Amino acid sequence: MTIDQWLQAALADADRRGLPALKPLLEALARATRALRAADFNDDATK
């Protein structure tokens, strides 16, 4: 599952549960996860 797939599923779940205030938090979590996965320290852990 990609981050985008997870986000779409999580947003849909928030809608189903009637939790619109959760959507910005989920979007922020997705952005933070993308940033962490793209960080330099993920390239080679043996350095």
PDB file of N, CA and C in Angstrom:
ATOM      1  N   MET A   1       0.851  -1.175   0.000  1.00  0.00           N
ATOM      2  CA  MET A   1       0.000   0.000   0.000  1.00  0.00           C
ATOM      3  C   MET A   1       0.894   1.235   0.000  1.00  0.00           C
ATOM      4  N   THR A   2       0.611   2.142  -0.893  1.00  0.00           N
ATOM      5  CA  THR A   2       1.374   3.390  -0.958  1.00  0.00           C
ATOM      6  C   THR A   2       0.814   4.403   0.034  1.00  0.00           C
ATOM      7  N   ILE A   3       1.552   5.469   0.228  1.00  0.00           N
ATOM      8  CA  ILE A   3       1.081   6.537   1.112  1.00  0.00           C
ATOM      9  C   ILE A   3      -0.214   7.132   0.560  1.00  0.00           C
ATOM     10  N   ASP A   4      -0.266   7.335  -0.754  1.00  0.00           N
ATOM     11  CA  ASP A   4      -1.466   7.897  -1.364  1.00  0.00           C
ATOM     12  C   ASP A   4      -2.674   6.971  -1.194  1.00  0.00           C
ATOM     13  N   GLN A   5      -2.457   5.689  -1.354  1.00  0.00           N
ATOM     14  CA  GLN A   5      -3.559   4.736  -1.153  1.00  0.00           C
ATOM     15  C   GLN A   5      -4.025   4.750   0.295  1.00  0.00           C
ATOM     16  N   TRP A   6      -3.073   4.771   1.214  1.00  0.00           N
ATOM     17  CA  TRP A   6      -3.420   4.819   2.623  1.00  0.00           C
ATOM     18  C   TRP A   6      -4.209   6.086   2.936  1.00  0.00           C
ATOM     19  N   LEU A   7      -3.727   7.213   2.409  1.00  0.00           N
ATOM     20  CA  LEU A   7      -4.390   8.487   2.684  1.00  0.00           C
ATOM     21  C   LEU A   7      -5.823   8.480   2.167  1.00  0.00           C
ATOM     22  N   GLN A   8      -6.028   8.006   0.955  1.00  0.00           N
ATOM     23  CA  GLN A   8      -7.385   7.971   0.410  1.00  0.00           C
ATOM     24  C   GLN A   8      -8.301   7.084   1.263  1.00  0.00           C
ATOM     25  N   ALA A   9      -7.790   5.946   1.692  1.00  0.00           N
ATOM     26  CA  ALA A   9      -8.579   5.052   2.539  1.00  0.00           C
ATOM     27  C   ALA A   9      -8.875   5.707   3.893  1.00  0.00           C
ATOM     28  N   ALA A  10      -7.881   6.361   4.462  1.00  0.00           N
ATOM     29  CA  ALA A  10      -8.066   7.001   5.765  1.00  0.00           C
ATOM     30  C   ALA A  10      -9.039   8.174   5.675  1.00  0.00           C
ATOM     31  N   LEU A  11      -8.956   8.946   4.604  1.00  0.00           N
ATOM     32  CA  LEU A  11      -9.882  10.066   4.416  1.00  0.00           C
ATOM     33  C   LEU A  11     -11.313   9.565   4.233  1.00  0.00           C
ATOM     34  N   ALA A  12     -11.464   8.500   3.458  1.00  0.00           N
ATOM     35  CA  ALA A  12     -12.795   7.918   3.258  1.00  0.00           C
ATOM     36  C   ALA A  12     -13.351   7.394   4.585  1.00  0.00           C
ATOM     37  N   ASP A  13     -12.503   6.787   5.392  1.00  0.00           N
ATOM     38  CA  ASP A  13     -12.939   6.284   6.687  1.00  0.00           C
ATOM     39  C   ASP A  13     -13.357   7.434   7.603  1.00  0.00           C
ATOM     40  N   ALA A  14     -12.602   8.521   7.580  1.00  0.00           N
ATOM     41  CA  ALA A  14     -12.959   9.691   8.385  1.00  0.00           C
ATOM     42  C   ALA A  14     -14.319  10.231   7.950  1.00  0.00           C
ATOM     43  N   ASP A  15     -14.566  10.249   6.643  1.00  0.00           N
ATOM     44  CA  ASP A  15     -15.876  10.678   6.141  1.00  0.00           C
ATOM     45  C   ASP A  15     -16.990   9.761   6.644  1.00  0.00           C
ATOM     46  N   ARG A  16     -16.767   8.460   6.526  1.00  0.00           N
ATOM     47  CA  ARG A  16     -17.779   7.490   6.964  1.00  0.00           C
ATOM     48  C   ARG A  16     -18.099   7.638   8.452  1.00  0.00           C
ATOM     49  N   ARG A  17     -17.089   7.968   9.228  1.00  0.00           N
ATOM     50  CA  ARG A  17     -17.276   8.089  10.681  1.00  0.00           C
ATOM     51  C   ARG A  17     -17.746   9.480  11.103  1.00  0.00           C
ATOM     52  N   GLY A  18     -17.868  10.382  10.136  1.00  0.00           N
ATOM     53  CA  GLY A  18     -18.314  11.734  10.465  1.00  0.00           C
ATOM     54  C   GLY A  18     -17.281  12.529  11.233  1.00  0.00           C
ATOM     55  N   LEU A  19     -16.006  12.367  10.860  1.00  0.00           N
ATOM     56  CA  LEU A  19     -14.905  13.049  11.549  1.00  0.00           C
ATOM     57  C   LEU A  19     -14.144  13.969  10.587  1.00  0.00           C
ATOM     58  N   PRO A  20     -14.774  15.020  10.097  1.00  0.00           N
ATOM     59  CA  PRO A  20     -14.102  15.893   9.122  1.00  0.00           C
ATOM     60  C   PRO A  20     -12.869  16.605   9.687  1.00  0.00           C
ATOM     61  N   ALA A  21     -12.830  16.834  10.984  1.00  0.00           N
ATOM     62  CA  ALA A  21     -11.681  17.502  11.602  1.00  0.00           C
ATOM     63  C   ALA A  21     -10.423  16.641  11.550  1.00  0.00           C
ATOM     64  N   LEU A  22     -10.574  15.360  11.332  1.00  0.00           N
ATOM     65  CA  LEU A  22      -9.431  14.449  11.268  1.00  0.00           C
ATOM     66  C   LEU A  22      -8.686  14.561   9.939  1.00  0.00           C
ATOM     67  N   LYS A  23      -9.351  15.028   8.900  1.00  0.00           N
ATOM     68  CA  LYS A  23      -8.758  15.046   7.563  1.00  0.00           C
ATOM     69  C   LYS A  23      -7.466  15.859   7.467  1.00  0.00           C
ATOM     70  N   PRO A  24      -7.397  17.082   8.006  1.00  0.00           N
ATOM     71  CA  PRO A  24      -6.115  17.816   7.935  1.00  0.00           C
ATOM     72  C   PRO A  24      -4.985  17.101   8.675  1.00  0.00           C
ATOM     73  N   LEU A  25      -5.306  16.422   9.756  1.00  0.00           N
ATOM     74  CA  LEU A  25      -4.280  15.682  10.497  1.00  0.00           C
ATOM     75  C   LEU A  25      -3.759  14.503   9.688  1.00  0.00           C
ATOM     76  N   LEU A  26      -4.653  13.802   9.006  1.00  0.00           N
ATOM     77  CA  LEU A  26      -4.242  12.686   8.159  1.00  0.00           C
ATOM     78  C   LEU A  26      -3.381  13.166   6.999  1.00  0.00           C
ATOM     79  N   GLU A  27      -3.762  14.296   6.410  1.00  0.00           N
ATOM     80  CA  GLU A  27      -2.977  14.853   5.303  1.00  0.00           C
ATOM     81  C   GLU A  27      -1.595  15.276   5.780  1.00  0.00           C
ATOM     82  N   ALA A  28      -1.523  15.863   6.970  1.00  0.00           N
ATOM     83  CA  ALA A  28      -0.222  16.250   7.531  1.00  0.00           C
ATOM     84  C   ALA A  28       0.638  15.022   7.818  1.00  0.00           C
ATOM     85  N   LEU A  29       0.030  13.975   8.320  1.00  0.00           N
ATOM     86  CA  LEU A  29       0.771  12.732   8.578  1.00  0.00           C
ATOM     87  C   LEU A  29       1.311  12.150   7.273  1.00  0.00           C
ATOM     88  N   ALA A  30       0.528  12.191   6.219  1.00  0.00           N
ATOM     89  CA  ALA A  30       0.986  11.692   4.923  1.00  0.00           C
ATOM     90  C   ALA A  30       2.161  12.519   4.415  1.00  0.00           C
ATOM     91  N   ARG A  31       2.082  13.844   4.547  1.00  0.00           N
ATOM     92  CA  ARG A  31       3.203  14.705   4.117  1.00  0.00           C
ATOM     93  C   ARG A  31       4.463  14.406   4.919  1.00  0.00           C
ATOM     94  N   ALA A  32       4.309  14.254   6.228  1.00  0.00           N
ATOM     95  CA  ALA A  32       5.465  13.966   7.085  1.00  0.00           C
ATOM     96  C   ALA A  32       6.074  12.609   6.745  1.00  0.00           C
ATOM     97  N   THR A  33       5.239  11.633   6.471  1.00  0.00           N
ATOM     98  CA  THR A  33       5.732  10.305   6.109  1.00  0.00           C
ATOM     99  C   THR A  33       6.499  10.355   4.795  1.00  0.00           C
ATOM    100  N   ARG A  34       5.973  11.098   3.821  1.00  0.00           N
ATOM    101  CA  ARG A  34       6.691  11.257   2.539  1.00  0.00           C
ATOM    102  C   ARG A  34       8.057  11.905   2.762  1.00  0.00           C
ATOM    103  N   ALA A  35       8.085  12.943   3.596  1.00  0.00           N
ATOM    104  CA  ALA A  35       9.348  13.648   3.866  1.00  0.00           C
ATOM    105  C   ALA A  35      10.354  12.725   4.546  1.00  0.00           C
ATOM    106  N   LEU A  36       9.903  11.941   5.505  1.00  0.00           N
ATOM    107  CA  LEU A  36      10.810  11.017   6.194  1.00  0.00           C
ATOM    108  C   LEU A  36      11.345   9.948   5.243  1.00  0.00           C
ATOM    109  N   ARG A  37      10.484   9.433   4.389  1.00  0.00           N
ATOM    110  CA  ARG A  37      10.930   8.405   3.442  1.00  0.00           C
ATOM    111  C   ARG A  37      11.889   8.952   2.401  1.00  0.00           C
ATOM    112  N   ALA A  38      11.793  10.245   2.108  1.00  0.00           N
ATOM    113  CA  ALA A  38      12.665  10.862   1.116  1.00  0.00           C
ATOM    114  C   ALA A  38      13.975  11.387   1.715  1.00  0.00           C
ATOM    115  N   ALA A  39      14.103  11.358   3.026  1.00  0.00           N
ATOM    116  CA  ALA A  39      15.266  11.920   3.704  1.00  0.00           C
ATOM    117  C   ALA A  39      16.555  11.180   3.344  1.00  0.00           C
ATOM    118  N   ASP A  40      17.656  11.912   3.383  1.00  0.00           N
ATOM    119  CA  ASP A  40      18.976  11.362   3.044  1.00  0.00           C
ATOM    120  C   ASP A  40      19.365  10.174   3.917  1.00  0.00           C
ATOM    121  N   PHE A  41      19.009  10.204   5.177  1.00  0.00           N
ATOM    122  CA  PHE A  41      19.446   9.141   6.071  1.00  0.00           C
ATOM    123  C   PHE A  41      18.847   7.796   5.718  1.00  0.00           C
ATOM    124  N   ASN A  42      17.869   7.749   4.834  1.00  0.00           N
ATOM    125  CA  ASN A  42      17.283   6.481   4.412  1.00  0.00           C
ATOM    126  C   ASN A  42      18.073   5.828   3.287  1.00  0.00           C
ATOM    127  N   ASP A  43      19.005   6.553   2.671  1.00  0.00           N
ATOM    128  CA  ASP A  43      19.726   6.033   1.523  1.00  0.00           C
ATOM    129  C   ASP A  43      20.652   4.878   1.879  1.00  0.00           C
ATOM    130  N   ASP A  44      21.468   5.030   2.920  1.00  0.00           N
ATOM    131  CA  ASP A  44      22.423   3.987   3.272  1.00  0.00           C
ATOM    132  C   ASP A  44      22.645   4.028   4.782  1.00  0.00           C
ATOM    133  N   ALA A  45      22.118   3.075   5.464  1.00  0.00           N
ATOM    134  CA  ALA A  45      22.196   3.038   6.930  1.00  0.00           C
ATOM    135  C   ALA A  45      23.562   2.615   7.435  1.00  0.00           C
ATOM    136  N   THR A  46      24.464   2.180   6.545  1.00  0.00           N
ATOM    137  CA  THR A  46      25.792   1.735   6.988  1.00  0.00           C
ATOM    138  C   THR A  46      26.798   2.867   7.073  1.00  0.00           C
ATOM    139  N   LYS A  47      26.436   4.071   6.700  1.00  0.00           N
ATOM    140  CA  LYS A  47      27.373   5.203   6.731  1.00  0.00           C
ATOM    141  C   LYS A  47      27.587   5.694   8.137  1.00  0.00           C
TER     142      LYS A  47
END
